[in-house]
Amino acid sequence: MDDTNPTKEDVEFVDAIKEDIHWLGYDWDDRFYYASDYFDKMYECAVGLIKKGLAYACELTAEQVKEYRGDLTTPAKSPYRDRPVEESLELFERMKNGEFEEGKITIRAKIDLASGNFVMRDPVIYRINYLPHHRTGNKWCIYPMYDFAHPIEDAMEEITHSLCSLEFEIHRPLYDWVIENCAEFLPAKPRQIEFARLGINYTVMSKRKLRYLVENNLVDGWDDPRMPTICGLRRRGYTPEAIRNFSERNGVSKVNSTVEYSFLEACLREDLNIKAQRVMAVVDPVKLTITNYPEGKIETFETENNPNRPEDGTREITFSRDLWIEKEDFMEEPAKKYFRLFPGNEVRLKGTYIVKCTGCRKDENGNVVEVFAEYDEASRGGNPADGRKIKSTIHWANAADCADAEIRLYDNLFSVEDPDNYDYLEVMNRDSLTVLRNCKVEKALVNAKPGDSFQFMRQGYFCADSKDSTPEHLVFNRSVSLKDSFKKK
């Protein structure tokens, strides 16, 4: 863990990363390290470089360093580059003892002020910072820069290949320089290898940009189900297996690339299709009354939990005269090739009976508030006695004992495929979250644990929200639709 720059958020991110790695299915056993484990060794290496004339105390401010940086034809400069070794050692000791204000003095490596690689133009390797460190407290007020700490950490842990993303490629010469010039203090000589980061369209991956969304309450924290974070994906209902499969299928490359979000969704859909229990949930309910079914009668039916996994067994569902169905499953005047409920048409109510629509009731505004139907008593189980063909099966919920639920439908966080090419705040998708209340779900879902995943028949895959869902107030997040709904804009 890179904790070379003490900040208040360090503990939060360390704990979150640990939790995410464990959730993904990995463990480090006894090999969990912090940069701060090696602060003494890093200080020793810096002193060694000063003694060899390879580092010096510089009193240029950050603004002056930038001003004197030079360009491709003009070398950088520092009036302190030839400062005597003993003077630099004394100043470094005084820095360590807290005698200077922040920014007053830094330690810079003496490499090459004319280098075409600006990283090598005498980079800062130590600076003053008086913030207390979350692990070392106030022991140190000087801290190594990441580019200096990184190779030393790897060497101390006897890493053979240190894997970095491509933006660190220009930092590799500095990595090698530190290893070479601090060799007498280090037990190993690691090497740095770079690979390309994987991008996903319709989102941003920059921690800085994601932090802005969090800190300005544009999303519901780092674990908002729209966020491309491990904890966000987990809260949305993604599984470790789906994420690992997504990563393995994409492989490792030396070229930056962007993958369609729909491919990530396909990996989840593939995993949940095997694992998720099938249940019935009505997200936009309208009442269905079966007028010829006895009032007060309740029947019990047995239905499979998952057709892909017979070992998951069956469960009981109840049926009565009063049900809930989806509003879209009824049309008073049916469109062409519409096979669901309309006056005179028959449908199969999943796992129970065939019903025939006889009409509807509307409110004063002309909205359908109740659908009427009659059931075929001889079709128990959904099979007509005369073998007639029923073209449509719809899901339902028993009004007598179903549970109310809030359902959250998520869409892309941004409205354009590559938000990094825009002012990303201007292209946020304002419809990325739709909240549906007064939804109806099977009563068994009252016992759903946070993170439990289900296939809501004909609706998609959903999980119980890990933050907000309780038995008294059920909240389900849509993880992914049943089919790829990705549309090119």
Protein backbone atom coordinates (compact mmCIF):
# COMPACT_ATOMS: atom_id res chain seq x y z
CA MET A 1 0.00 0.00 0.00
CA ASP A 2 1.41 3.35 -1.04
CA ASP A 3 1.16 5.51 2.08
CA THR A 4 4.07 7.82 1.28
CA ASN A 5 1.74 10.85 1.37
CA PRO A 6 -0.19 11.01 4.67
CA THR A 7 -3.82 12.01 4.15
CA LYS A 8 -7.02 11.53 6.13
CA GLU A 9 -8.45 9.14 3.56
CA ASP A 10 -5.65 6.57 3.69
CA VAL A 11 -7.32 4.26 6.23
CA GLU A 12 -10.60 4.38 4.32
CA PHE A 13 -8.97 3.35 1.05
CA VAL A 14 -6.74 0.70 2.63
CA ASP A 15 -9.69 -0.98 4.30
CA ALA A 16 -11.80 -0.76 1.14
CA ILE A 17 -9.06 -2.29 -1.01
CA LYS A 18 -8.56 -5.13 1.47
CA GLU A 19 -12.28 -5.86 1.52
CA ASP A 20 -12.52 -5.77 -2.27
CA ILE A 21 -9.58 -8.14 -2.76
CA HIS A 22 -11.00 -10.62 -0.29
CA TRP A 23 -14.41 -10.42 -1.93
CA LEU A 24 -12.86 -11.13 -5.33
CA GLY A 25 -11.53 -14.36 -3.88
CA TYR A 26 -7.88 -13.58 -3.16
CA ASP A 27 -5.69 -13.34 -0.09
CA TRP A 28 -2.16 -12.18 0.65
CA ASP A 29 -1.66 -14.46 3.68
CA ASP A 30 1.13 -12.79 5.72
CA ARG A 31 2.41 -10.67 2.83
CA PHE A 32 0.54 -7.40 3.28
CA TYR A 33 2.99 -4.49 3.15
CA TYR A 34 2.96 -0.71 3.44
CA ALA A 35 5.46 1.77 2.06
CA SER A 36 5.77 3.03 5.64
CA ASP A 37 7.23 -0.35 6.64
CA TYR A 38 10.40 0.82 4.89
CA PHE A 39 10.65 4.49 5.84
CA ASP A 40 13.88 3.86 7.75
CA LYS A 41 15.42 2.06 4.76
CA MET A 42 14.30 4.81 2.38
CA TYR A 43 15.87 7.44 4.60
CA GLU A 44 19.08 5.37 4.68
CA CYS A 45 19.09 5.16 0.88
CA ALA A 46 18.58 8.92 0.52
CA VAL A 47 21.48 9.63 2.90
CA GLY A 48 23.59 7.20 0.89
CA LEU A 49 22.80 9.01 -2.36
CA ILE A 50 23.73 12.38 -0.83
CA LYS A 51 27.02 10.96 0.43
CA LYS A 52 27.82 9.69 -3.08
CA GLY A 53 27.06 13.12 -4.57
CA LEU A 54 23.93 11.74 -6.27
CA ALA A 55 21.39 13.83 -4.34
CA TYR A 56 21.27 17.31 -2.84
CA ALA A 57 19.16 19.67 -0.74
CA CYS A 58 17.33 22.15 -2.97
CA GLU A 59 15.63 25.33 -1.76
CA LEU A 60 13.67 26.11 -4.91
CA THR A 61 9.94 26.42 -4.36
CA ALA A 62 7.57 24.21 -6.36
CA GLU A 63 6.80 27.20 -8.59
CA GLN A 64 10.50 27.85 -9.19
CA VAL A 65 11.19 24.20 -9.98
CA LYS A 66 8.45 24.39 -12.61
CA GLU A 67 9.83 27.70 -13.90
CA TYR A 68 13.39 26.32 -14.19
CA ARG A 69 12.28 23.01 -15.68
CA GLY A 70 13.35 23.97 -19.19
CA ASP A 71 12.09 22.42 -22.41
CA LEU A 72 13.31 19.95 -25.01
CA THR A 73 16.07 22.34 -26.13
CA THR A 74 16.74 24.05 -22.79
CA PRO A 75 18.09 22.13 -19.77
CA ALA A 76 16.54 22.54 -16.34
CA LYS A 77 18.57 24.34 -13.69
CA SER A 78 19.00 24.53 -9.94
CA PRO A 79 21.45 26.87 -8.19
CA TYR A 80 21.75 24.28 -5.40
CA ARG A 81 22.87 21.36 -7.55
CA ASP A 82 26.52 21.69 -6.59
CA ARG A 83 25.87 22.23 -2.92
CA PRO A 84 28.55 20.47 -0.81
CA VAL A 85 27.68 17.00 0.39
CA GLU A 86 28.11 17.87 4.06
CA GLU A 87 25.79 20.85 3.74
CA SER A 88 23.08 18.74 2.06
CA LEU A 89 23.44 16.07 4.76
CA GLU A 90 23.07 18.71 7.48
CA LEU A 91 20.00 20.22 5.83
CA PHE A 92 18.43 16.78 5.38
CA GLU A 93 18.96 16.07 9.08
CA ARG A 94 17.37 19.39 9.98
CA MET A 95 14.44 18.60 7.68
CA LYS A 96 13.99 15.34 9.56
CA ASN A 97 14.07 17.23 12.86
CA GLY A 98 11.27 19.54 11.78
CA GLU A 99 13.27 22.78 11.54
CA PHE A 100 11.81 23.98 8.22
CA GLU A 101 8.32 24.79 7.03
CA GLU A 102 6.68 22.70 4.33
CA GLY A 103 8.01 23.46 0.86
CA LYS A 104 11.13 25.22 2.14
CA ILE A 105 13.58 22.45 1.19
CA THR A 106 13.40 19.23 -0.80
CA ILE A 107 15.94 16.52 -1.57
CA ARG A 108 16.47 15.99 -5.28
CA ALA A 109 18.28 13.20 -7.08
CA LYS A 110 21.22 14.47 -9.16
CA ILE A 111 20.67 12.75 -12.51
CA ASP A 112 20.49 14.79 -15.73
CA LEU A 113 19.06 18.30 -16.06
CA ALA A 114 19.19 18.02 -19.87
CA SER A 115 17.44 14.66 -20.15
CA GLY A 116 14.77 14.36 -22.83
CA ASN A 117 12.78 12.42 -20.23
CA PHE A 118 11.64 15.17 -17.84
CA VAL A 119 11.13 12.62 -15.07
CA MET A 120 14.95 12.33 -14.94
CA ARG A 121 15.59 16.06 -14.60
CA ASP A 122 16.71 15.88 -10.98
CA PRO A 123 13.41 14.65 -9.53
CA VAL A 124 12.40 15.38 -5.94
CA ILE A 125 12.82 12.28 -3.78
CA TYR A 126 11.99 13.72 -0.32
CA ARG A 127 9.75 16.54 0.89
CA ILE A 128 8.47 17.93 4.18
CA ASN A 129 4.92 17.14 5.32
CA TYR A 130 3.68 17.77 8.86
CA LEU A 131 0.42 15.85 8.60
CA PRO A 132 0.35 12.94 11.09
CA HIS A 133 0.64 9.58 9.37
CA HIS A 134 -2.09 6.99 10.00
CA ARG A 135 0.53 4.32 10.81
CA THR A 136 3.65 6.14 12.00
CA GLY A 137 1.98 9.08 13.73
CA ASN A 138 4.37 12.01 14.14
CA LYS A 139 7.59 10.00 13.91
CA TRP A 140 8.36 11.46 10.49
CA CYS A 141 7.83 14.90 9.02
CA ILE A 142 9.72 14.04 5.84
CA TYR A 143 8.30 11.58 3.34
CA PRO A 144 9.72 9.93 0.22
CA MET A 145 8.15 10.58 -3.16
CA TYR A 146 6.43 7.59 -4.74
CA ASP A 147 8.96 7.25 -7.58
CA PHE A 148 11.73 6.89 -5.01
CA ALA A 149 9.81 4.65 -2.62
CA HIS A 150 8.43 2.26 -5.24
CA PRO A 151 11.68 0.55 -6.33
CA ILE A 152 12.95 0.36 -2.74
CA GLU A 153 9.73 -1.34 -1.59
CA ASP A 154 9.98 -3.87 -4.42
CA ALA A 155 13.62 -4.61 -3.65
CA MET A 156 12.95 -5.07 0.08
CA GLU A 157 10.16 -7.56 -0.72
CA GLU A 158 12.40 -9.26 -3.32
CA ILE A 159 9.90 -8.67 -6.10
CA THR A 160 11.08 -9.98 -9.46
CA HIS A 161 8.66 -8.15 -11.77
CA SER A 162 6.86 -5.02 -10.62
CA LEU A 163 3.70 -4.58 -12.69
CA CYS A 164 2.62 -1.01 -13.49
CA SER A 165 0.21 0.62 -15.90
CA LEU A 166 1.53 2.28 -19.05
CA GLU A 167 1.72 5.83 -17.68
CA PHE A 168 4.65 4.64 -15.54
CA GLU A 169 6.69 3.65 -18.59
CA ILE A 170 8.52 7.01 -18.62
CA HIS A 171 9.25 6.49 -14.90
CA ARG A 172 11.07 3.19 -15.51
CA PRO A 173 14.52 4.85 -16.05
CA LEU A 174 14.17 6.48 -12.61
CA TYR A 175 13.10 3.12 -11.11
CA ASP A 176 16.24 1.51 -12.57
CA TRP A 177 18.42 4.44 -11.47
CA VAL A 178 17.31 4.10 -7.84
CA ILE A 179 17.86 0.32 -7.86
CA GLU A 180 21.33 0.71 -9.39
CA ASN A 181 22.53 3.52 -7.13
CA CYS A 182 21.10 2.13 -3.89
CA ALA A 183 22.18 -1.44 -4.61
CA GLU A 184 24.40 -1.74 -1.52
CA PHE A 185 21.36 -1.09 0.72
CA LEU A 186 18.95 -3.45 -1.06
CA PRO A 187 18.61 -7.26 -1.09
CA ALA A 188 17.26 -7.64 -4.66
CA LYS A 189 17.17 -6.01 -8.10
CA PRO A 190 13.58 -6.00 -9.35
CA ARG A 191 12.50 -4.78 -12.78
CA GLN A 192 9.44 -2.82 -13.77
CA ILE A 193 7.03 -4.13 -16.43
CA GLU A 194 4.18 -2.00 -17.82
CA PHE A 195 0.77 -3.05 -19.10
CA ALA A 196 -2.25 -1.15 -20.44
CA ARG A 197 -5.14 -0.16 -18.23
CA LEU A 198 -8.51 -1.47 -19.32
CA GLY A 199 -11.13 1.16 -20.05
CA ILE A 200 -14.90 0.65 -20.14
CA ASN A 201 -17.12 2.90 -22.22
CA TYR A 202 -19.84 5.15 -20.79
CA THR A 203 -17.88 5.66 -17.59
CA VAL A 204 -14.72 7.25 -16.21
CA MET A 205 -11.98 5.36 -14.39
CA SER A 206 -9.99 8.30 -13.00
CA LYS A 207 -9.91 8.28 -9.20
CA ARG A 208 -9.80 12.07 -9.23
CA LYS A 209 -12.98 12.32 -11.31
CA LEU A 210 -14.78 9.63 -9.35
CA ARG A 211 -13.83 11.34 -6.09
CA TYR A 212 -15.37 14.58 -7.35
CA LEU A 213 -18.65 12.76 -8.01
CA VAL A 214 -18.59 11.31 -4.49
CA GLU A 215 -17.57 14.47 -2.64
CA ASN A 216 -20.15 16.59 -4.45
CA ASN A 217 -22.97 14.10 -3.81
CA LEU A 218 -23.53 13.44 -7.49
CA VAL A 219 -23.57 9.74 -6.65
CA ASP A 220 -24.37 7.79 -3.49
CA GLY A 221 -20.79 7.26 -2.36
CA TRP A 222 -17.98 5.06 -3.67
CA ASP A 223 -20.32 2.06 -3.60
CA ASP A 224 -23.04 3.68 -5.71
CA PRO A 225 -24.16 0.90 -8.09
CA ARG A 226 -23.41 3.17 -11.08
CA MET A 227 -19.76 3.57 -10.09
CA PRO A 228 -17.05 1.46 -11.84
CA THR A 229 -15.60 0.51 -8.45
CA ILE A 230 -15.43 -3.02 -7.06
CA CYS A 231 -17.68 -2.02 -4.15
CA GLY A 232 -20.09 -0.30 -6.56
CA LEU A 233 -20.29 -3.37 -8.78
CA ARG A 234 -20.75 -5.57 -5.71
CA ARG A 235 -23.65 -3.45 -4.45
CA ARG A 236 -25.23 -3.59 -7.90
CA GLY A 237 -25.18 -7.39 -7.76
CA TYR A 238 -22.04 -8.32 -9.67
CA THR A 239 -20.35 -11.53 -8.60
CA PRO A 240 -16.61 -12.14 -8.12
CA GLU A 241 -16.80 -14.85 -10.77
CA ALA A 242 -18.29 -12.47 -13.34
CA ILE A 243 -15.60 -9.84 -12.74
CA ARG A 244 -12.77 -12.39 -12.85
CA ASN A 245 -14.20 -13.87 -16.05
CA PHE A 246 -14.45 -10.41 -17.59
CA SER A 247 -10.80 -9.70 -16.75
CA GLU A 248 -9.53 -13.06 -17.99
CA ARG A 249 -11.38 -12.78 -21.29
CA ASN A 250 -9.94 -9.32 -21.92
CA GLY A 251 -6.40 -10.44 -21.15
CA VAL A 252 -3.34 -8.20 -20.77
CA SER A 253 -2.13 -5.80 -23.44
CA LYS A 254 0.54 -3.16 -24.02
CA VAL A 255 -2.02 -1.02 -25.88
CA ASN A 256 -4.68 1.05 -24.15
CA SER A 257 -8.13 -0.18 -25.08
CA THR A 258 -11.78 0.36 -24.22
CA VAL A 259 -14.29 -2.43 -23.80
CA GLU A 260 -18.04 -2.08 -24.16
CA TYR A 261 -19.92 -2.08 -20.88
CA SER A 262 -22.29 -4.59 -22.46
CA PHE A 263 -19.48 -7.18 -22.40
CA LEU A 264 -19.15 -6.77 -18.63
CA GLU A 265 -22.92 -7.19 -18.38
CA ALA A 266 -22.78 -10.31 -20.54
CA CYS A 267 -20.28 -11.89 -18.13
CA LEU A 268 -22.62 -11.20 -15.21
CA ARG A 269 -25.67 -12.44 -17.09
CA GLU A 270 -23.86 -15.67 -17.92
CA ASP A 271 -22.96 -16.26 -14.27
CA LEU A 272 -26.34 -15.35 -12.78
CA ASN A 273 -28.22 -17.40 -15.35
CA ILE A 274 -26.73 -20.45 -13.68
CA LYS A 275 -26.91 -19.30 -10.06
CA ALA A 276 -29.86 -16.98 -9.50
CA GLN A 277 -33.16 -18.21 -8.12
CA ARG A 278 -36.19 -17.37 -10.29
CA VAL A 279 -38.92 -15.38 -8.55
CA MET A 280 -41.90 -13.30 -9.60
CA ALA A 281 -41.94 -9.56 -9.10
CA VAL A 282 -44.26 -6.96 -10.59
CA VAL A 283 -42.50 -3.64 -11.02
CA ASP A 284 -45.39 -1.56 -12.45
CA PRO A 285 -48.49 -3.18 -10.97
CA VAL A 286 -52.13 -3.13 -11.94
CA LYS A 287 -54.74 -5.26 -10.23
CA LEU A 288 -56.01 -8.45 -11.88
CA THR A 289 -59.27 -9.85 -10.51
CA ILE A 290 -60.30 -13.38 -11.49
CA THR A 291 -64.03 -12.95 -11.24
CA ASN A 292 -65.00 -16.64 -11.26
CA TYR A 293 -62.45 -17.69 -8.65
CA PRO A 294 -63.92 -18.23 -5.17
CA GLU A 295 -63.46 -15.27 -2.83
CA GLY A 296 -61.27 -16.09 0.18
CA LYS A 297 -59.81 -19.21 -1.43
CA ILE A 298 -56.03 -19.55 -1.49
CA GLU A 299 -54.23 -22.32 -3.35
CA THR A 300 -50.63 -23.41 -3.10
CA PHE A 301 -48.50 -24.32 -6.11
CA GLU A 302 -45.00 -25.71 -6.28
CA THR A 303 -42.52 -24.13 -8.65
CA GLU A 304 -38.86 -24.71 -9.45
CA ASN A 305 -36.23 -22.34 -8.07
CA ASN A 306 -33.86 -22.58 -11.02
CA PRO A 307 -34.38 -24.66 -14.16
CA ASN A 308 -30.60 -24.74 -14.65
CA ARG A 309 -29.97 -26.23 -11.22
CA PRO A 310 -32.45 -28.96 -10.23
CA GLU A 311 -30.49 -29.40 -7.01
CA ASP A 312 -31.82 -26.00 -5.89
CA GLY A 313 -35.20 -27.63 -5.41
CA THR A 314 -38.63 -26.04 -5.42
CA ARG A 315 -40.66 -23.56 -3.38
CA GLU A 316 -44.33 -22.93 -2.71
CA ILE A 317 -46.23 -19.96 -4.10
CA THR A 318 -49.79 -18.97 -3.25
CA PHE A 319 -52.63 -18.04 -5.60
CA SER A 320 -55.91 -16.25 -5.01
CA ARG A 321 -58.69 -14.28 -6.67
CA ASP A 322 -56.83 -10.98 -6.45
CA LEU A 323 -53.46 -10.67 -8.15
CA TRP A 324 -51.05 -8.05 -9.44
CA ILE A 325 -49.73 -8.05 -13.01
CA GLU A 326 -47.60 -5.66 -15.06
CA LYS A 327 -49.52 -2.77 -16.63
CA GLU A 328 -47.80 -3.53 -19.92
CA ASP A 329 -49.33 -7.03 -19.88
CA PHE A 330 -52.76 -5.58 -20.65
CA MET A 331 -53.96 -3.56 -23.64
CA GLU A 332 -57.57 -2.72 -24.18
CA GLU A 333 -56.91 -2.37 -27.89
CA PRO A 334 -54.00 -4.71 -28.67
CA ALA A 335 -51.21 -3.80 -31.02
CA LYS A 336 -50.24 -6.13 -33.84
CA LYS A 337 -48.63 -9.36 -32.57
CA TYR A 338 -49.59 -8.53 -28.99
CA PHE A 339 -50.40 -11.86 -27.32
CA ARG A 340 -50.87 -10.87 -23.70
CA LEU A 341 -54.08 -9.83 -21.96
CA PHE A 342 -56.76 -8.03 -23.95
CA PRO A 343 -60.53 -8.61 -23.98
CA GLY A 344 -61.24 -12.10 -25.28
CA ASN A 345 -57.62 -13.34 -25.19
CA GLU A 346 -56.16 -16.11 -23.05
CA VAL A 347 -52.80 -16.17 -21.31
CA ARG A 348 -51.08 -18.53 -18.91
CA LEU A 349 -50.42 -17.21 -15.42
CA LYS A 350 -46.99 -18.62 -14.67
CA GLY A 351 -47.25 -22.03 -12.99
CA THR A 352 -50.99 -21.86 -12.18
CA TYR A 353 -53.95 -21.46 -14.55
CA ILE A 354 -54.99 -20.18 -17.92
CA VAL A 355 -57.13 -17.05 -17.70
CA LYS A 356 -59.25 -15.25 -20.26
CA CYS A 357 -59.53 -11.48 -20.15
CA THR A 358 -63.10 -10.15 -19.91
CA GLY A 359 -62.51 -6.42 -19.60
CA CYS A 360 -61.19 -3.69 -17.34
CA ARG A 361 -62.11 -0.79 -15.05
CA LYS A 362 -60.79 2.75 -15.47
CA ASP A 363 -60.55 5.77 -13.21
CA GLU A 364 -61.96 9.21 -13.94
CA ASN A 365 -58.87 10.03 -16.01
CA GLY A 366 -59.25 7.02 -18.25
CA ASN A 367 -56.39 5.05 -16.68
CA VAL A 368 -56.84 1.30 -16.32
CA VAL A 369 -56.89 0.48 -12.60
CA GLU A 370 -58.22 -3.09 -12.68
CA VAL A 371 -58.27 -5.91 -15.22
CA PHE A 372 -60.90 -8.65 -15.14
CA ALA A 373 -60.47 -12.25 -16.21
CA GLU A 374 -61.94 -15.71 -15.73
CA TYR A 375 -59.84 -18.77 -15.03
CA ASP A 376 -60.06 -22.23 -16.59
CA GLU A 377 -60.30 -24.52 -13.58
CA ALA A 378 -59.30 -27.53 -15.69
CA SER A 379 -55.97 -25.91 -16.61
CA ARG A 380 -54.33 -26.23 -13.19
CA GLY A 381 -50.55 -26.12 -13.69
CA GLY A 382 -51.02 -24.02 -16.83
CA ASN A 383 -51.86 -26.84 -19.24
CA PRO A 384 -55.19 -26.68 -21.12
CA ALA A 385 -57.21 -29.91 -20.96
CA ASP A 386 -58.06 -29.73 -24.66
CA GLY A 387 -54.52 -29.08 -25.80
CA ARG A 388 -55.26 -25.62 -27.22
CA LYS A 389 -52.26 -23.42 -27.84
CA ILE A 390 -51.63 -20.53 -25.44
CA LYS A 391 -49.25 -18.01 -26.94
CA SER A 392 -48.22 -16.03 -23.88
CA THR A 393 -47.21 -16.61 -20.25
CA ILE A 394 -47.09 -13.73 -17.81
CA HIS A 395 -45.84 -13.40 -14.24
CA TRP A 396 -47.91 -12.16 -11.32
CA ALA A 397 -47.96 -11.60 -7.56
CA ASN A 398 -50.61 -12.71 -5.10
CA ALA A 399 -52.21 -9.60 -3.61
CA ALA A 400 -53.12 -11.58 -0.47
CA ASP A 401 -49.57 -12.07 0.74
CA CYS A 402 -47.03 -10.38 -1.55
CA ALA A 403 -44.56 -7.83 -0.19
CA ASP A 404 -44.06 -4.22 -1.25
CA ALA A 405 -40.63 -3.29 -2.58
CA GLU A 406 -38.64 -0.41 -3.96
CA ILE A 407 -36.83 -1.25 -7.18
CA ARG A 408 -33.94 0.78 -8.56
CA LEU A 409 -33.15 0.62 -12.27
CA TYR A 410 -29.65 1.72 -13.26
CA ASP A 411 -28.36 2.94 -16.60
CA ASN A 412 -25.00 4.25 -17.82
CA LEU A 413 -23.51 6.93 -15.59
CA PHE A 414 -22.70 9.06 -18.67
CA SER A 415 -24.65 9.74 -21.84
CA VAL A 416 -21.68 9.52 -24.23
CA GLU A 417 -19.41 6.61 -25.00
CA ASP A 418 -16.15 8.33 -24.06
CA PRO A 419 -16.87 10.96 -21.37
CA ASP A 420 -13.15 11.68 -20.97
CA ASN A 421 -13.32 13.54 -24.30
CA TYR A 422 -15.88 15.99 -22.86
CA ASP A 423 -16.46 18.06 -19.79
CA TYR A 424 -17.51 14.89 -18.05
CA LEU A 425 -19.87 16.68 -15.66
CA GLU A 426 -21.80 18.05 -18.63
CA VAL A 427 -22.39 14.57 -20.07
CA MET A 428 -23.62 12.85 -16.91
CA ASN A 429 -26.73 10.81 -17.62
CA ARG A 430 -29.47 12.45 -15.56
CA ASP A 431 -31.61 9.34 -16.07
CA SER A 432 -28.99 6.90 -14.82
CA LEU A 433 -31.21 6.00 -11.85
CA THR A 434 -34.95 5.34 -11.91
CA VAL A 435 -36.66 4.48 -8.62
CA LEU A 436 -39.90 2.47 -8.74
CA ARG A 437 -41.94 2.29 -5.56
CA ASN A 438 -44.97 0.17 -4.62
CA CYS A 439 -43.63 -2.78 -6.59
CA LYS A 440 -44.93 -6.23 -5.63
CA VAL A 441 -42.69 -9.24 -4.95
CA GLU A 442 -43.14 -12.76 -3.67
CA LYS A 443 -43.47 -12.84 0.11
CA ALA A 444 -40.39 -15.10 0.41
CA LEU A 445 -38.21 -12.15 -0.61
CA VAL A 446 -38.81 -10.58 2.79
CA ASN A 447 -36.07 -12.96 3.93
CA ALA A 448 -33.60 -11.83 1.23
CA LYS A 449 -30.19 -11.05 2.68
CA PRO A 450 -28.16 -8.04 1.50
CA GLY A 451 -26.49 -8.96 -1.76
CA ASP A 452 -28.73 -11.96 -2.53
CA SER A 453 -29.37 -12.19 -6.27
CA PHE A 454 -32.56 -13.23 -8.05
CA GLN A 455 -33.92 -13.38 -11.55
CA PHE A 456 -37.17 -11.45 -11.61
CA MET A 457 -38.98 -13.32 -14.37
CA ARG A 458 -39.10 -11.35 -17.62
CA GLN A 459 -37.48 -8.34 -15.88
CA GLY A 460 -33.82 -9.07 -15.31
CA TYR A 461 -31.43 -9.94 -12.50
CA PHE A 462 -31.79 -8.06 -9.22
CA CYS A 463 -30.09 -8.07 -5.84
CA ALA A 464 -31.15 -6.92 -2.40
CA ASP A 465 -29.43 -3.60 -1.76
CA SER A 466 -26.63 -4.05 0.77
CA LYS A 467 -27.08 -0.59 2.30
CA ASP A 468 -30.79 0.22 2.31
CA SER A 469 -32.80 -3.01 2.11
CA THR A 470 -34.49 -4.32 5.27
CA PRO A 471 -37.37 -6.78 5.83
CA GLU A 472 -39.55 -3.76 6.58
CA HIS A 473 -38.45 -1.84 3.47
CA LEU A 474 -37.24 -4.08 0.67
CA VAL A 475 -34.94 -2.47 -1.88
CA PHE A 476 -33.71 -4.29 -4.97
CA ASN A 477 -31.15 -3.07 -7.50
CA ARG A 478 -31.31 -4.22 -11.08
CA SER A 479 -27.94 -5.78 -11.79
CA VAL A 480 -28.48 -6.46 -15.49
CA SER A 481 -31.35 -6.99 -17.91
CA LEU A 482 -32.16 -10.43 -19.30
CA LYS A 483 -30.90 -9.42 -22.73
CA ASP A 484 -28.36 -6.95 -23.99
CA SER A 485 -30.22 -3.65 -24.20
CA PHE A 486 -27.16 -1.68 -25.35
CA LYS A 487 -28.00 0.76 -28.13
CA LYS A 488 -25.54 2.85 -30.05
CA LYS A 489 -26.47 6.51 -29.82
